[in-house]
């Protein structure tokens, strides 16, 4: 959360002249409901099922830029699809930066807690090894410099075959 997946994804898609997809937005379009509502009604398990279906569908498309939700890596099936079907860049972001970037965002169900910093730290601890497992490249987004980070990602993609 707060790593810049959607912002960087949209920017990279423009630079590469490729279609951009955000898996959370696709889920919302398919259901006609926002993510917090899906969490409230179906719980996290229901949301994760929907997320896996969308990631399977989107990761099979050729030549796209895809931003997934932060928890997508929790499912082994998602990690396999993402790693095997494209070039995965893990946008590494320290917890303090994530907290600052998400502080006023009310659209993040997992941060509806009395201690969002502790929740982010726990999620980071759980997810970081999985992000590293699935990633072809790790890029820090702590600087918030869109050009610097996107240039670094473009360098990573230079050696990756486009499908």
C-alpha atoms as a PDB file:
ATOM      1  CA  UNK A   1       0.000   0.000   0.000  1.00  0.00           C
ATOM      2  CA  UNK A   2       1.204   3.419  -0.897  1.00  0.00           C
ATOM      3  CA  UNK A   3       4.049   2.159  -3.083  1.00  0.00           C
ATOM      4  CA  UNK A   4       2.810   4.022  -6.157  1.00  0.00           C
ATOM      5  CA  UNK A   5       1.693   1.005  -8.195  1.00  0.00           C
ATOM      6  CA  UNK A   6      -1.187   2.759  -9.948  1.00  0.00           C
ATOM      7  CA  UNK A   7       0.580   6.072 -10.499  1.00  0.00           C
ATOM      8  CA  UNK A   8       3.748   4.432 -11.812  1.00  0.00           C
ATOM      9  CA  UNK A   9       1.757   1.899 -13.819  1.00  0.00           C
ATOM     10  CA  UNK A  10      -0.217   4.591 -15.632  1.00  0.00           C
ATOM     11  CA  UNK A  11       2.952   6.585 -16.282  1.00  0.00           C
ATOM     12  CA  UNK A  12       4.886   3.566 -17.592  1.00  0.00           C
ATOM     13  CA  UNK A  13       1.983   2.537 -19.807  1.00  0.00           C
ATOM     14  CA  UNK A  14       2.059   6.003 -21.405  1.00  0.00           C
ATOM     15  CA  UNK A  15       5.824   5.875 -21.891  1.00  0.00           C
ATOM     16  CA  UNK A  16       5.639   2.385 -23.391  1.00  0.00           C
ATOM     17  CA  UNK A  17       2.437   3.060 -25.362  1.00  0.00           C
ATOM     18  CA  UNK A  18       0.746   0.042 -23.794  1.00  0.00           C
ATOM     19  CA  UNK A  19      -2.658  -0.507 -22.207  1.00  0.00           C
ATOM     20  CA  UNK A  20      -2.764  -0.047 -18.419  1.00  0.00           C
ATOM     21  CA  UNK A  21      -4.869  -2.128 -16.050  1.00  0.00           C
ATOM     22  CA  UNK A  22      -5.285  -1.784 -12.304  1.00  0.00           C
ATOM     23  CA  UNK A  23      -6.648  -5.069 -10.963  1.00  0.00           C
ATOM     24  CA  UNK A  24      -8.592  -3.322  -8.171  1.00  0.00           C
ATOM     25  CA  UNK A  25     -10.321  -1.002 -10.673  1.00  0.00           C
ATOM     26  CA  UNK A  26     -11.183  -3.979 -12.909  1.00  0.00           C
ATOM     27  CA  UNK A  27     -12.741  -5.758  -9.913  1.00  0.00           C
ATOM     28  CA  UNK A  28     -14.789  -2.644  -9.156  1.00  0.00           C
ATOM     29  CA  UNK A  29     -15.915  -2.385 -12.788  1.00  0.00           C
ATOM     30  CA  UNK A  30     -16.914  -6.053 -12.914  1.00  0.00           C
ATOM     31  CA  UNK A  31     -18.842  -5.969  -9.622  1.00  0.00           C
ATOM     32  CA  UNK A  32     -20.230  -2.448  -9.772  1.00  0.00           C
ATOM     33  CA  UNK A  33     -19.033  -1.997  -6.184  1.00  0.00           C
ATOM     34  CA  UNK A  34     -15.995  -0.419  -4.569  1.00  0.00           C
ATOM     35  CA  UNK A  35     -13.328  -2.436  -2.755  1.00  0.00           C
ATOM     36  CA  UNK A  36     -14.381  -1.413   0.789  1.00  0.00           C
ATOM     37  CA  UNK A  37     -17.957  -2.533   0.045  1.00  0.00           C
ATOM     38  CA  UNK A  38     -16.727  -5.903  -1.282  1.00  0.00           C
ATOM     39  CA  UNK A  39     -14.645  -6.352   1.899  1.00  0.00           C
ATOM     40  CA  UNK A  40     -17.668  -5.442   4.067  1.00  0.00           C
ATOM     41  CA  UNK A  41     -20.063  -7.797   2.296  1.00  0.00           C
ATOM     42  CA  UNK A  42     -17.842 -10.696   1.182  1.00  0.00           C
ATOM     43  CA  UNK A  43     -14.912 -10.339   3.558  1.00  0.00           C
ATOM     44  CA  UNK A  44     -11.280 -10.476   2.561  1.00  0.00           C
ATOM     45  CA  UNK A  45     -11.632 -14.077   1.336  1.00  0.00           C
ATOM     46  CA  UNK A  46     -14.380 -13.090  -1.106  1.00  0.00           C
ATOM     47  CA  UNK A  47     -12.340 -10.189  -2.372  1.00  0.00           C
ATOM     48  CA  UNK A  48      -9.224 -12.360  -2.789  1.00  0.00           C
ATOM     49  CA  UNK A  49     -11.210 -14.895  -4.876  1.00  0.00           C
ATOM     50  CA  UNK A  50     -12.322 -12.113  -7.189  1.00  0.00           C
ATOM     51  CA  UNK A  51      -8.778 -10.753  -7.295  1.00  0.00           C
ATOM     52  CA  UNK A  52      -7.339 -14.130  -8.345  1.00  0.00           C
ATOM     53  CA  UNK A  53      -9.851 -14.430 -11.188  1.00  0.00           C
ATOM     54  CA  UNK A  54      -8.996 -10.954 -12.465  1.00  0.00           C
ATOM     55  CA  UNK A  55      -5.232 -11.489 -12.183  1.00  0.00           C
ATOM     56  CA  UNK A  56      -5.507 -14.749 -14.103  1.00  0.00           C
ATOM     57  CA  UNK A  57      -7.462 -12.950 -16.833  1.00  0.00           C
ATOM     58  CA  UNK A  58      -5.270  -9.836 -17.015  1.00  0.00           C
ATOM     59  CA  UNK A  59      -1.907 -11.574 -16.753  1.00  0.00           C
ATOM     60  CA  UNK A  60      -2.814 -13.610 -19.839  1.00  0.00           C
ATOM     61  CA  UNK A  61      -3.095 -10.427 -21.945  1.00  0.00           C
ATOM     62  CA  UNK A  62      -0.023  -9.612 -24.033  1.00  0.00           C
ATOM     63  CA  UNK A  63       1.830  -6.301 -23.890  1.00  0.00           C
ATOM     64  CA  UNK A  64       0.087  -4.622 -20.959  1.00  0.00           C
ATOM     65  CA  UNK A  65       1.143  -2.795 -17.818  1.00  0.00           C
ATOM     66  CA  UNK A  66      -0.617  -4.208 -14.763  1.00  0.00           C
ATOM     67  CA  UNK A  67      -0.832  -2.813 -11.245  1.00  0.00           C
ATOM     68  CA  UNK A  68      -2.157  -5.276  -8.690  1.00  0.00           C
ATOM     69  CA  UNK A  69      -3.449  -4.718  -5.208  1.00  0.00           C
ATOM     70  CA  UNK A  70      -0.833  -5.069  -2.493  1.00  0.00           C
ATOM     71  CA  UNK A  71      -2.205  -8.368  -1.205  1.00  0.00           C
ATOM     72  CA  UNK A  72      -2.290 -10.113  -4.579  1.00  0.00           C
ATOM     73  CA  UNK A  73       0.970 -11.904  -3.767  1.00  0.00           C
ATOM     74  CA  UNK A  74      -0.632 -13.761  -0.863  1.00  0.00           C
ATOM     75  CA  UNK A  75      -2.086 -16.357  -3.250  1.00  0.00           C
ATOM     76  CA  UNK A  76       0.437 -18.781  -4.722  1.00  0.00           C
ATOM     77  CA  UNK A  77      -1.626 -18.983  -7.909  1.00  0.00           C
ATOM     78  CA  UNK A  78      -1.312 -15.208  -8.398  1.00  0.00           C
ATOM     79  CA  UNK A  79       2.426 -15.273  -7.786  1.00  0.00           C
ATOM     80  CA  UNK A  80       2.852 -18.036 -10.367  1.00  0.00           C
ATOM     81  CA  UNK A  81       0.697 -16.284 -12.995  1.00  0.00           C
ATOM     82  CA  UNK A  82       2.420 -12.944 -12.511  1.00  0.00           C
ATOM     83  CA  UNK A  83       5.960 -14.324 -12.502  1.00  0.00           C
ATOM     84  CA  UNK A  84       5.460 -16.689 -15.435  1.00  0.00           C
ATOM     85  CA  UNK A  85       3.464 -14.338 -17.655  1.00  0.00           C
ATOM     86  CA  UNK A  86       5.325 -11.056 -17.380  1.00  0.00           C
ATOM     87  CA  UNK A  87       8.112  -8.995 -15.891  1.00  0.00           C
ATOM     88  CA  UNK A  88       7.295  -8.289 -12.255  1.00  0.00           C
ATOM     89  CA  UNK A  89       8.766  -5.225 -10.596  1.00  0.00           C
ATOM     90  CA  UNK A  90       8.392  -5.116  -6.804  1.00  0.00           C
ATOM     91  CA  UNK A  91       7.978  -1.494  -5.751  1.00  0.00           C
ATOM     92  CA  UNK A  92       9.696  -1.653  -2.364  1.00  0.00           C
ATOM     93  CA  UNK A  93       8.534   1.077   0.004  1.00  0.00           C
ATOM     94  CA  UNK A  94       9.411   1.472   3.697  1.00  0.00           C
ATOM     95  CA  UNK A  95       6.536   1.314   6.183  1.00  0.00           C
ATOM     96  CA  UNK A  96       7.009   4.951   7.258  1.00  0.00           C
ATOM     97  CA  UNK A  97       6.581   6.090   3.648  1.00  0.00           C
ATOM     98  CA  UNK A  98       3.553   3.831   3.162  1.00  0.00           C
ATOM     99  CA  UNK A  99       1.995   5.307   6.294  1.00  0.00           C
ATOM    100  CA  UNK A 100       2.572   8.887   5.138  1.00  0.00           C
ATOM    101  CA  UNK A 101       1.118   8.171   1.680  1.00  0.00           C
ATOM    102  CA  UNK A 102      -1.996   6.367   2.966  1.00  0.00           C
ATOM    103  CA  UNK A 103      -2.673   8.462   6.074  1.00  0.00           C
ATOM    104  CA  UNK A 104      -5.755  10.231   4.663  1.00  0.00           C
ATOM    105  CA  UNK A 105      -6.982   7.491   2.308  1.00  0.00           C
ATOM    106  CA  UNK A 106     -10.335   6.101   3.494  1.00  0.00           C
ATOM    107  CA  UNK A 107     -10.534   3.579   0.634  1.00  0.00           C
ATOM    108  CA  UNK A 108      -8.192   1.006   2.230  1.00  0.00           C
ATOM    109  CA  UNK A 109     -10.157  -1.579   4.206  1.00  0.00           C
ATOM    110  CA  UNK A 110      -7.087  -3.202   5.769  1.00  0.00           C
ATOM    111  CA  UNK A 111      -6.096   0.125   7.345  1.00  0.00           C
ATOM    112  CA  UNK A 112      -9.403   0.571   9.167  1.00  0.00           C
ATOM    113  CA  UNK A 113      -7.730  -0.015  12.486  1.00  0.00           C
ATOM    114  CA  UNK A 114      -6.647   1.931  15.540  1.00  0.00           C
ATOM    115  CA  UNK A 115      -2.988   1.431  14.663  1.00  0.00           C
ATOM    116  CA  UNK A 116      -2.424   1.604  10.904  1.00  0.00           C
ATOM    117  CA  UNK A 117       1.369   1.724  11.345  1.00  0.00           C
ATOM    118  CA  UNK A 118       1.358  -1.623  13.159  1.00  0.00           C
ATOM    119  CA  UNK A 119      -0.937  -3.090  10.484  1.00  0.00           C
ATOM    120  CA  UNK A 120       1.354  -1.853   7.688  1.00  0.00           C
ATOM    121  CA  UNK A 121       4.400  -3.259   9.500  1.00  0.00           C
ATOM    122  CA  UNK A 122       2.712  -6.654   9.886  1.00  0.00           C
ATOM    123  CA  UNK A 123       1.627  -6.693   6.227  1.00  0.00           C
ATOM    124  CA  UNK A 124       5.136  -5.720   5.136  1.00  0.00           C
ATOM    125  CA  UNK A 125       6.623  -8.546   7.203  1.00  0.00           C
ATOM    126  CA  UNK A 126       4.206 -11.067   5.670  1.00  0.00           C
ATOM    127  CA  UNK A 127       4.352  -9.830   2.097  1.00  0.00           C
ATOM    128  CA  UNK A 128       7.956  -8.701   1.528  1.00  0.00           C
ATOM    129  CA  UNK A 129       9.320 -12.271   1.138  1.00  0.00           C
ATOM    130  CA  UNK A 130       6.478 -13.093  -1.284  1.00  0.00           C
ATOM    131  CA  UNK A 131       7.066  -9.942  -3.341  1.00  0.00           C
ATOM    132  CA  UNK A 132      10.738 -10.878  -3.559  1.00  0.00           C
ATOM    133  CA  UNK A 133       9.835 -14.437  -4.598  1.00  0.00           C
ATOM    134  CA  UNK A 134       7.677 -13.295  -7.509  1.00  0.00           C
ATOM    135  CA  UNK A 135       9.720 -10.267  -8.617  1.00  0.00           C
ATOM    136  CA  UNK A 136      12.159 -10.184 -11.485  1.00  0.00           C
ATOM    137  CA  UNK A 137      13.354  -6.784 -10.207  1.00  0.00           C
ATOM    138  CA  UNK A 138      13.103  -4.784  -6.965  1.00  0.00           C
ATOM    139  CA  UNK A 139      12.915  -0.984  -7.204  1.00  0.00           C
ATOM    140  CA  UNK A 140      12.602   1.417  -4.275  1.00  0.00           C
ATOM    141  CA  UNK A 141       9.840   4.024  -4.501  1.00  0.00           C
ATOM    142  CA  UNK A 142      10.823   5.761  -1.264  1.00  0.00           C
ATOM    143  CA  UNK A 143      12.090   8.834  -3.133  1.00  0.00           C
ATOM    144  CA  UNK A 144       8.694   9.644  -4.712  1.00  0.00           C
ATOM    145  CA  UNK A 145      10.517  10.891  -7.818  1.00  0.00           C
ATOM    146  CA  UNK A 146       8.327   9.595 -10.646  1.00  0.00           C
ATOM    147  CA  UNK A 147      10.910  10.170 -13.390  1.00  0.00           C
ATOM    148  CA  UNK A 148      13.767   8.563 -11.458  1.00  0.00           C
ATOM    149  CA  UNK A 149      11.720   5.503 -10.483  1.00  0.00           C
ATOM    150  CA  UNK A 150      10.173   5.079 -13.941  1.00  0.00           C
ATOM    151  CA  UNK A 151      13.602   5.385 -15.591  1.00  0.00           C
ATOM    152  CA  UNK A 152      14.899   2.681 -13.267  1.00  0.00           C
ATOM    153  CA  UNK A 153      11.965   0.415 -14.144  1.00  0.00           C
ATOM    154  CA  UNK A 154      12.421   1.058 -17.872  1.00  0.00           C
ATOM    155  CA  UNK A 155      16.041  -0.058 -17.442  1.00  0.00           C
ATOM    156  CA  UNK A 156      14.824  -3.284 -15.843  1.00  0.00           C
ATOM    157  CA  UNK A 157      12.441  -3.919 -18.730  1.00  0.00           C
ATOM    158  CA  UNK A 158      15.098  -3.386 -21.392  1.00  0.00           C
ATOM    159  CA  UNK A 159      16.327  -6.980 -21.141  1.00  0.00           C
ATOM    160  CA  UNK A 160      12.917  -8.574 -20.711  1.00  0.00           C
ATOM    161  CA  UNK A 161      11.280 -10.072 -23.819  1.00  0.00           C
ATOM    162  CA  UNK A 162       7.926  -8.466 -24.647  1.00  0.00           C
ATOM    163  CA  UNK A 163       5.092 -10.869 -25.256  1.00  0.00           C
END
